[in-house]
Amino acid sequence: MNVMTEQTSERSEAPETAAPAAAGLTRRALLGNAGAGLAVGAGAGAVGGWAVAAPRDGSRSNGAPALGQASVPFHGAHQAGIVQPAQARAQLAAFDLTPGTGRDGLRRLMKGWSETAALLARGEQAGAHENQIALDAGPCTLTVTFGFGAPLFDKTGLASQRPPQLAPLPDFPEDTIDRSRSDGDLWVQIGADDALVAFHALRVLQQQASGLATLRWQMSGFSRTPGATDRPRTPRNLMGQVDGTNNPRPADPDFAAKVFADGPGWLAGGSYVVFRRIRMLLDNWENLPTDRQERVIGRRKVDGAPLSGGTESTPVDLAKQNGDGLLAIPVDAHIRVAAPASNGGAAMLRRGFSFQDGLLPDGSLDAGLLFIAFQADPAHGFIPVQRRLARGDSLSRFLRHEASGLYAVPPGAPQGGYVGQALLEG
């Protein structure tokens, strides 16, 4: 999606108070690294009383864990990997059920995947499918998030339970969607602050799915490494723009209504996620002078402040005029077209990652944004905003939407349960 600057998840905004949690035998402890087996979860989080990641700056002051030791509990009211800040590394993938898997096979798969994800989130070994890729690492804030695509419901005899919100996304102007890298029955988002930990989790889940589901597509992403800046800052995307200033925040009174679905029953407390692979035309973008780039976005590049004045956190004044009588924020600036005020209040919780996949045949860079947006209803979130952006956002001419997906994200699993249980056993 074109909405990048205004609502991408911010590491600096997440609550980061830590409290001890039950410790298991970690991969690091198996190699005898002293002090590395401490699974640490946060106290009650801002949404539904569930946990968020512990501090990530590598500090051990006040009992805070080192970077590799921080963990995010898998079990809870909502799946992990939604409200947490984006980690340094991501693995995204979609799977298709193999013929004959059916509802029983999907139930076995989700039970196994949930058990494995819970182990890995604690920094423990993955059981029978452990491959030792990340044997000497801690949990590194690993999160694993699962979603169900529309075709899954027909394949498992659950068509009557498919929510209408999973209707296919409409075609948008200038889309160049490659369906071989889109859609899928099952969607998996894996985030971690270590690349090997994230890759290890995907390989384990892929091995565990053998005979039940096959990998349809896989993509790798990255964000800023914790501790890379002098203080917590909003990340930048590959265009150099501060990316995420106006993302909805868990403390907002209407946050849950924007992000979490209220039904059908099996999905209550879950969400919908839109995924888009957006290639950035960086050669074209970097040929623009900085002041032109700022007018395309509507913010100063150096500090993210709106062109209407103030600092990064200053609310945008869409009515402000410069001394020449022209609008300070141009009529086609990204932040104007993407603003909730321009879209009937539509908003999403964005949690994107950058990607870089080498060169295209013409020599241009294959790089951009793995856009991920969680929302209560895509018909009142992504779809109307993207339609407006496609019609009038000056940023669009520097972007190509090349892959897409829409998935229902079930609520979290309680201790002893698994993701999707209310659907598969209801």
Protein backbone atom coordinates (compact mmCIF):
# COMPACT_ATOMS: atom_id res chain seq x y z
CA MET A 1 0.00 0.00 0.00
CA ASN A 2 1.10 3.56 -0.56
CA VAL A 3 0.49 4.56 3.06
CA MET A 4 3.97 4.44 4.52
CA THR A 5 4.85 7.65 6.25
CA GLU A 6 1.77 8.13 8.36
CA GLN A 7 0.97 4.84 10.04
CA THR A 8 3.80 2.32 10.28
CA SER A 9 4.54 0.73 13.67
CA GLU A 10 6.99 2.62 15.86
CA ARG A 11 9.55 0.96 18.08
CA SER A 12 9.86 4.14 20.13
CA GLU A 13 6.17 4.21 21.09
CA ALA A 14 5.80 0.72 22.59
CA PRO A 15 5.70 0.27 26.35
CA GLU A 16 8.82 -1.55 27.44
CA THR A 17 8.63 -2.44 31.11
CA ALA A 18 9.84 -5.91 31.93
CA ALA A 19 8.90 -8.45 34.54
CA PRO A 20 10.22 -11.99 34.98
CA ALA A 21 8.38 -14.88 33.39
CA ALA A 22 8.76 -18.62 33.71
CA ALA A 23 12.06 -19.74 32.21
CA GLY A 24 12.62 -22.83 30.10
CA LEU A 25 15.81 -24.40 28.84
CA THR A 26 17.00 -22.08 26.10
CA ARG A 27 18.99 -22.88 23.02
CA ARG A 28 21.79 -20.69 24.37
CA ALA A 29 21.77 -22.49 27.72
CA LEU A 30 22.27 -25.79 25.94
CA LEU A 31 25.70 -24.54 24.91
CA GLY A 32 26.49 -23.39 28.42
CA ASN A 33 26.38 -19.65 27.89
CA ALA A 34 25.93 -18.29 31.37
CA GLY A 35 22.85 -16.24 32.11
CA ALA A 36 21.26 -16.71 28.71
CA GLY A 37 18.16 -18.69 29.57
CA LEU A 38 16.02 -15.92 31.03
CA ALA A 39 12.71 -15.65 29.21
CA VAL A 40 11.45 -12.19 30.12
CA GLY A 41 7.97 -10.92 29.29
CA ALA A 42 6.55 -7.50 29.95
CA GLY A 43 3.94 -6.66 32.50
CA ALA A 44 0.32 -6.12 31.45
CA GLY A 45 0.31 -4.48 28.03
CA ALA A 46 -1.86 -1.69 26.77
CA VAL A 47 -4.21 -3.90 24.79
CA GLY A 48 -6.28 -6.54 26.53
CA GLY A 49 -3.75 -6.94 29.35
CA TRP A 50 -1.33 -9.01 27.31
CA ALA A 51 2.44 -8.78 27.17
CA VAL A 52 4.75 -6.81 24.96
CA ALA A 53 8.47 -7.15 24.45
CA ALA A 54 11.02 -6.34 27.10
CA PRO A 55 13.61 -3.60 26.55
CA ARG A 56 15.74 -4.11 23.47
CA ASP A 57 18.74 -1.81 23.86
CA GLY A 58 20.98 -4.58 25.15
CA SER A 59 21.13 -3.01 28.60
CA ARG A 60 21.28 -5.08 31.76
CA SER A 61 20.54 -2.17 34.10
CA ASN A 62 17.65 -2.58 36.52
CA GLY A 63 17.43 -6.26 35.66
CA ALA A 64 16.62 -5.65 31.97
CA PRO A 65 17.63 -8.53 29.70
CA ALA A 66 20.32 -8.36 27.07
CA LEU A 67 19.06 -8.09 23.50
CA GLY A 68 19.01 -11.83 22.77
CA GLN A 69 17.26 -12.69 26.03
CA ALA A 70 14.16 -10.54 25.60
CA SER A 71 11.03 -12.57 24.85
CA VAL A 72 7.40 -12.06 23.92
CA PRO A 73 4.89 -14.64 25.23
CA PHE A 74 3.13 -16.59 22.50
CA HIS A 75 -0.08 -17.17 24.46
CA GLY A 76 -2.54 -14.37 25.18
CA ALA A 77 -5.79 -12.70 24.20
CA HIS A 78 -4.30 -11.50 20.90
CA GLN A 79 -1.59 -13.07 18.80
CA ALA A 80 1.91 -11.73 19.33
CA GLY A 81 3.34 -9.76 16.44
CA ILE A 82 0.49 -7.27 16.12
CA VAL A 83 0.99 -4.43 18.59
CA GLN A 84 4.68 -5.09 19.24
CA PRO A 85 7.16 -2.80 17.47
CA ALA A 86 8.60 -4.31 14.31
CA GLN A 87 11.70 -6.34 15.08
CA ALA A 88 15.00 -6.05 13.21
CA ARG A 89 14.28 -9.07 10.97
CA ALA A 90 11.20 -10.69 9.48
CA GLN A 91 10.26 -13.79 7.53
CA LEU A 92 6.88 -13.68 5.79
CA ALA A 93 5.39 -16.72 4.11
CA ALA A 94 2.19 -18.25 2.82
CA PHE A 95 1.32 -21.94 2.63
CA ASP A 96 -1.29 -23.85 0.63
CA LEU A 97 -2.97 -26.92 2.10
CA THR A 98 -2.13 -30.13 0.28
CA PRO A 99 -5.06 -32.06 -1.23
CA GLY A 100 -6.76 -34.19 1.40
CA THR A 101 -5.53 -32.21 4.41
CA GLY A 102 -9.05 -31.07 5.28
CA ARG A 103 -10.22 -29.80 8.63
CA ASP A 104 -8.60 -32.58 10.67
CA GLY A 105 -5.24 -32.06 9.04
CA LEU A 106 -5.43 -28.31 9.54
CA ARG A 107 -6.28 -28.88 13.20
CA ARG A 108 -3.17 -31.05 13.62
CA LEU A 109 -1.05 -28.46 11.84
CA MET A 110 -2.25 -25.51 13.90
CA LYS A 111 -1.78 -27.45 17.13
CA GLY A 112 1.76 -28.35 16.16
CA TRP A 113 2.60 -24.88 14.88
CA SER A 114 1.24 -23.23 18.02
CA GLU A 115 3.20 -25.56 20.30
CA THR A 116 6.37 -24.93 18.31
CA ALA A 117 5.89 -21.16 18.22
CA ALA A 118 5.42 -21.10 21.99
CA LEU A 119 8.66 -23.04 22.51
CA LEU A 120 10.64 -20.81 20.19
CA ALA A 121 9.22 -17.65 21.76
CA ARG A 122 10.72 -18.84 25.06
CA GLY A 123 14.07 -19.57 23.41
CA GLU A 124 13.65 -23.33 23.75
CA GLN A 125 14.37 -26.03 21.19
CA ALA A 126 11.72 -26.86 18.61
CA GLY A 127 11.33 -30.55 19.44
CA ALA A 128 11.44 -33.20 16.72
CA HIS A 129 12.02 -30.65 13.97
CA GLU A 130 14.88 -28.78 15.66
CA ASN A 131 17.66 -28.12 13.12
CA GLN A 132 20.21 -26.27 15.32
CA ILE A 133 20.30 -23.19 13.07
CA ALA A 134 19.83 -20.87 16.06
CA LEU A 135 21.10 -23.20 18.77
CA ASP A 136 23.31 -20.60 20.44
CA ALA A 137 20.74 -17.77 20.43
CA GLY A 138 18.14 -16.64 22.91
CA PRO A 139 14.53 -15.83 21.95
CA CYS A 140 15.47 -12.40 20.52
CA THR A 141 11.85 -11.11 20.86
CA LEU A 142 10.61 -13.77 18.45
CA THR A 143 6.94 -13.53 17.50
CA VAL A 144 4.97 -15.83 15.18
CA THR A 145 1.60 -14.68 13.85
CA PHE A 146 -0.82 -16.84 11.83
CA GLY A 147 -3.57 -15.83 9.39
CA PHE A 148 -6.17 -17.72 7.32
CA GLY A 149 -6.75 -16.92 3.64
CA ALA A 150 -10.14 -17.14 1.94
CA PRO A 151 -9.49 -20.44 0.04
CA LEU A 152 -8.79 -22.27 3.30
CA PHE A 153 -12.47 -22.24 4.27
CA ASP A 154 -13.62 -24.12 1.16
CA LYS A 155 -10.78 -26.63 1.43
CA THR A 156 -11.70 -27.52 5.02
CA GLY A 157 -15.50 -27.60 4.74
CA LEU A 158 -15.82 -24.34 6.66
CA ALA A 159 -17.20 -22.11 3.91
CA SER A 160 -20.11 -21.07 6.12
CA GLN A 161 -17.60 -19.67 8.63
CA ARG A 162 -15.72 -17.52 6.12
CA PRO A 163 -16.30 -13.85 7.02
CA PRO A 164 -17.47 -11.55 4.24
CA GLN A 165 -14.51 -9.28 5.00
CA LEU A 166 -12.30 -11.88 3.27
CA ALA A 167 -13.77 -11.06 -0.14
CA PRO A 168 -10.93 -10.53 -2.63
CA LEU A 169 -9.34 -7.12 -2.60
CA PRO A 170 -10.36 -5.02 -5.61
CA ASP A 171 -7.94 -4.20 -8.38
CA PHE A 172 -6.30 -0.82 -7.88
CA PRO A 173 -4.90 1.40 -10.64
CA GLU A 174 -1.25 0.72 -11.46
CA ASP A 175 -1.19 -2.62 -9.58
CA THR A 176 1.17 -5.18 -11.16
CA ILE A 177 0.32 -8.12 -8.91
CA ASP A 178 2.20 -11.40 -9.32
CA ARG A 179 -0.28 -14.00 -8.06
CA SER A 180 2.44 -16.62 -7.58
CA ARG A 181 3.77 -14.40 -4.78
CA SER A 182 0.36 -13.46 -3.38
CA ASP A 183 -2.60 -14.92 -1.46
CA GLY A 184 -2.35 -18.43 0.06
CA ASP A 185 -4.35 -20.55 2.51
CA LEU A 186 -2.16 -19.82 5.54
CA TRP A 187 -0.11 -16.69 6.22
CA VAL A 188 2.80 -16.60 8.65
CA GLN A 189 4.59 -13.52 9.97
CA ILE A 190 7.79 -14.20 11.90
CA GLY A 191 9.68 -11.36 13.56
CA ALA A 192 12.88 -11.45 15.63
CA ASP A 193 15.81 -9.22 16.44
CA ASP A 194 18.20 -11.80 14.99
CA ALA A 195 18.15 -13.04 11.38
CA LEU A 196 19.05 -16.64 12.23
CA VAL A 197 16.33 -16.87 14.88
CA ALA A 198 13.69 -15.72 12.37
CA PHE A 199 14.95 -18.02 9.60
CA HIS A 200 15.15 -20.95 12.01
CA ALA A 201 11.51 -20.50 13.00
CA LEU A 202 10.35 -20.52 9.38
CA ARG A 203 12.35 -23.64 8.52
CA VAL A 204 10.96 -25.49 11.53
CA LEU A 205 7.36 -24.56 10.64
CA GLN A 206 7.95 -25.58 7.03
CA GLN A 207 9.31 -28.98 8.08
CA GLN A 208 6.42 -29.46 10.49
CA ALA A 209 3.93 -28.76 7.69
CA SER A 210 5.26 -31.60 5.53
CA GLY A 211 2.38 -33.59 4.06
CA LEU A 212 -0.20 -31.04 5.21
CA ALA A 213 0.80 -27.75 3.57
CA THR A 214 3.40 -26.56 1.08
CA LEU A 215 5.20 -23.24 0.92
CA ARG A 216 3.59 -20.94 -1.64
CA TRP A 217 5.85 -17.89 -1.26
CA GLN A 218 8.40 -16.53 1.19
CA MET A 219 9.93 -13.07 1.66
CA SER A 220 12.53 -11.62 4.02
CA GLY A 221 12.45 -8.16 5.52
CA PHE A 222 14.37 -5.94 7.90
CA SER A 223 13.97 -2.90 10.08
CA ARG A 224 16.30 -0.91 12.28
CA THR A 225 18.38 -2.89 14.77
CA PRO A 226 17.65 -2.05 18.42
CA GLY A 227 20.33 0.20 19.84
CA ALA A 228 21.47 1.49 16.44
CA THR A 229 20.39 5.05 17.27
CA ASP A 230 21.33 7.33 20.14
CA ARG A 231 17.78 7.08 21.50
CA PRO A 232 14.53 5.38 20.43
CA ARG A 233 13.46 6.95 17.14
CA THR A 234 10.77 6.36 14.54
CA PRO A 235 12.34 4.16 11.83
CA ARG A 236 13.12 5.32 8.31
CA ASN A 237 12.18 3.49 5.12
CA LEU A 238 14.41 2.97 2.08
CA MET A 239 13.39 6.36 0.72
CA GLY A 240 15.02 7.92 3.78
CA GLN A 241 11.71 9.11 5.18
CA VAL A 242 10.78 8.89 8.85
CA ASP A 243 8.10 6.22 8.58
CA GLY A 244 5.40 5.79 11.19
CA THR A 245 4.64 9.08 12.85
CA ASN A 246 0.84 8.81 13.01
CA ASN A 247 0.34 5.10 13.55
CA PRO A 248 -2.59 4.30 15.88
CA ARG A 249 -1.32 3.71 19.42
CA PRO A 250 -2.57 1.17 21.97
CA ALA A 251 -3.28 4.01 24.40
CA ASP A 252 -5.75 5.61 21.99
CA PRO A 253 -9.35 5.13 23.21
CA ASP A 254 -10.47 3.81 19.81
CA PHE A 255 -7.40 1.64 19.14
CA ALA A 256 -9.12 -1.72 19.66
CA ALA A 257 -12.07 -0.72 17.47
CA LYS A 258 -9.67 0.13 14.63
CA VAL A 259 -7.48 -2.97 14.92
CA PHE A 260 -9.42 -5.90 16.38
CA ALA A 261 -12.48 -7.59 14.87
CA ASP A 262 -15.67 -8.14 16.85
CA GLY A 263 -16.86 -11.19 14.92
CA PRO A 264 -17.74 -13.74 13.72
CA GLY A 265 -17.49 -15.58 17.02
CA TRP A 266 -14.34 -17.56 16.23
CA LEU A 267 -12.59 -14.35 15.13
CA ALA A 268 -13.68 -12.05 17.98
CA GLY A 269 -10.54 -10.39 19.30
CA GLY A 270 -8.67 -11.26 16.13
CA SER A 271 -7.95 -9.00 13.19
CA TYR A 272 -7.57 -8.79 9.43
CA VAL A 273 -4.19 -8.24 7.83
CA VAL A 274 -3.44 -6.85 4.40
CA PHE A 275 -0.04 -7.69 2.96
CA ARG A 276 1.49 -5.89 -0.01
CA ARG A 277 4.97 -6.14 -1.52
CA ILE A 278 5.69 -2.60 -2.72
CA ARG A 279 8.76 -2.00 -4.83
CA MET A 280 10.19 1.50 -4.57
CA LEU A 281 11.57 3.14 -7.70
CA LEU A 282 14.58 4.37 -5.77
CA ASP A 283 16.60 5.59 -8.74
CA ASN A 284 13.75 7.91 -9.73
CA TRP A 285 13.16 8.99 -6.14
CA GLU A 286 16.81 9.73 -5.39
CA ASN A 287 17.04 11.94 -8.48
CA LEU A 288 14.54 14.34 -6.89
CA PRO A 289 15.99 17.22 -4.85
CA THR A 290 15.27 16.93 -1.15
CA ASP A 291 12.77 19.79 -1.17
CA ARG A 292 10.78 18.03 -3.92
CA GLN A 293 10.82 14.79 -1.94
CA GLU A 294 9.51 16.67 1.08
CA ARG A 295 6.61 18.10 -0.91
CA VAL A 296 5.72 14.64 -2.21
CA ILE A 297 5.52 13.34 1.36
CA GLY A 298 4.47 16.50 3.20
CA ARG A 299 7.17 16.21 5.88
CA ARG A 300 10.72 17.41 6.34
CA LYS A 301 13.14 14.61 5.59
CA VAL A 302 15.67 15.45 8.27
CA ASP A 303 13.33 15.16 11.26
CA GLY A 304 9.89 14.07 10.03
CA ALA A 305 8.18 17.32 11.01
CA PRO A 306 5.17 18.27 8.85
CA LEU A 307 5.68 21.08 6.36
CA SER A 308 2.95 22.94 8.24
CA GLY A 309 5.46 23.41 11.08
CA GLY A 310 6.50 22.03 14.45
CA THR A 311 8.24 18.78 15.27
CA GLU A 312 7.62 15.20 14.16
CA SER A 313 4.85 14.76 16.73
CA THR A 314 3.10 18.06 15.91
CA PRO A 315 -0.36 17.41 14.41
CA VAL A 316 -0.48 18.17 10.70
CA ASP A 317 -2.28 21.41 9.87
CA LEU A 318 -3.84 20.63 6.50
CA ALA A 319 -5.33 24.14 6.20
CA LYS A 320 -2.11 26.11 6.78
CA GLN A 321 -0.93 28.33 3.93
CA ASN A 322 2.54 29.65 3.23
CA GLY A 323 3.24 33.33 2.71
CA ASP A 324 2.60 32.96 -1.02
CA GLY A 325 -0.93 31.74 -0.31
CA LEU A 326 -0.20 28.14 -1.32
CA LEU A 327 -1.00 25.25 0.99
CA ALA A 328 1.94 24.27 3.19
CA ILE A 329 0.97 20.62 2.64
CA PRO A 330 0.41 20.21 -1.14
CA VAL A 331 -2.95 18.88 -2.27
CA ASP A 332 -1.35 15.65 -3.54
CA ALA A 333 1.11 15.18 -0.67
CA HIS A 334 1.12 11.70 0.77
CA ILE A 335 0.28 12.70 4.33
CA ARG A 336 -2.73 14.73 3.17
CA VAL A 337 -4.19 11.99 0.96
CA ALA A 338 -3.46 9.26 3.52
CA ALA A 339 -4.70 11.12 6.60
CA PRO A 340 -7.70 9.60 8.42
CA ALA A 341 -9.38 13.00 8.16
CA SER A 342 -9.25 12.62 4.37
CA ASN A 343 -10.66 9.09 4.49
CA GLY A 344 -13.65 9.18 6.80
CA GLY A 345 -11.52 8.24 9.80
CA ALA A 346 -10.20 5.02 8.21
CA ALA A 347 -7.04 3.84 9.93
CA MET A 348 -4.86 0.74 10.22
CA LEU A 349 -2.03 -0.47 12.43
CA ARG A 350 0.94 -0.71 10.11
CA ARG A 351 3.89 -2.95 10.87
CA GLY A 352 6.04 -2.97 7.77
CA PHE A 353 9.55 -4.15 6.95
CA SER A 354 11.96 -3.08 4.23
CA PHE A 355 13.26 -5.60 1.69
CA GLN A 356 16.16 -5.75 -0.76
CA ASP A 357 16.25 -8.66 -3.23
CA GLY A 358 19.11 -7.77 -5.56
CA LEU A 359 18.74 -6.41 -9.09
CA LEU A 360 16.04 -6.72 -11.73
CA PRO A 361 16.93 -7.70 -15.32
CA ASP A 362 17.05 -4.02 -16.31
CA GLY A 363 19.62 -3.33 -13.61
CA SER A 364 17.29 -1.45 -11.27
CA LEU A 365 17.17 -2.26 -7.58
CA ASP A 366 14.50 -4.71 -6.39
CA ALA A 367 13.85 -3.11 -3.02
CA GLY A 368 11.03 -1.51 -1.10
CA LEU A 369 8.47 -2.20 1.60
CA LEU A 370 6.78 -5.36 2.82
CA PHE A 371 3.60 -3.57 3.87
CA ILE A 372 1.62 -5.21 6.70
CA ALA A 373 -1.52 -3.58 8.09
CA PHE A 374 -3.79 -4.96 10.81
CA GLN A 375 -7.37 -3.66 10.95
CA ALA A 376 -10.85 -4.50 12.23
CA ASP A 377 -12.39 -4.47 8.73
CA PRO A 378 -10.53 -3.96 5.44
CA ALA A 379 -13.67 -2.49 3.86
CA HIS A 380 -13.33 0.42 6.30
CA GLY A 381 -9.52 0.43 6.48
CA PHE A 382 -7.21 -0.52 3.65
CA ILE A 383 -9.63 -0.50 0.71
CA PRO A 384 -11.00 3.07 0.89
CA VAL A 385 -7.59 4.52 1.75
CA GLN A 386 -5.83 2.71 -1.08
CA ARG A 387 -8.51 3.79 -3.56
CA ARG A 388 -7.94 7.40 -2.60
CA LEU A 389 -4.16 7.04 -2.74
CA ALA A 390 -4.31 5.45 -6.17
CA ARG A 391 -6.28 8.45 -7.46
CA GLY A 392 -4.35 11.35 -5.97
CA ASP A 393 -1.13 10.50 -4.08
CA SER A 394 1.98 11.96 -5.69
CA LEU A 395 4.03 9.21 -4.03
CA SER A 396 2.31 6.59 -6.21
CA ARG A 397 4.48 7.31 -9.22
CA PHE A 398 7.51 6.08 -7.26
CA LEU A 399 5.92 2.79 -6.17
CA ARG A 400 4.90 -0.53 -7.74
CA HIS A 401 2.54 -2.91 -5.92
CA GLU A 402 3.74 -6.38 -6.94
CA ALA A 403 2.24 -8.86 -4.46
CA SER A 404 -0.86 -8.85 -2.28
CA GLY A 405 -2.79 -10.84 0.28
CA LEU A 406 -5.68 -10.58 2.72
CA TYR A 407 -6.01 -12.88 5.73
CA ALA A 408 -8.14 -13.31 8.85
CA VAL A 409 -5.91 -13.36 11.92
CA PRO A 410 -7.53 -15.40 14.73
CA PRO A 411 -7.29 -14.24 18.33
CA GLY A 412 -4.45 -15.50 20.47
CA ALA A 413 -4.31 -18.94 22.02
CA PRO A 414 -4.69 -19.52 25.77
CA GLN A 415 -2.26 -21.74 27.62
CA GLY A 416 -2.91 -25.30 26.46
CA GLY A 417 -4.78 -24.11 23.36
CA TYR A 418 -3.82 -23.30 19.78
CA VAL A 419 -4.46 -20.57 17.24
CA GLY A 420 -7.70 -21.14 15.31
CA GLN A 421 -9.11 -23.57 17.87
CA ALA A 422 -12.52 -21.85 18.08
CA LEU A 423 -12.93 -22.20 14.30
CA LEU A 424 -11.61 -25.75 13.93
CA GLU A 425 -13.36 -27.22 16.96
CA GLY A 426 -16.46 -25.02 17.06
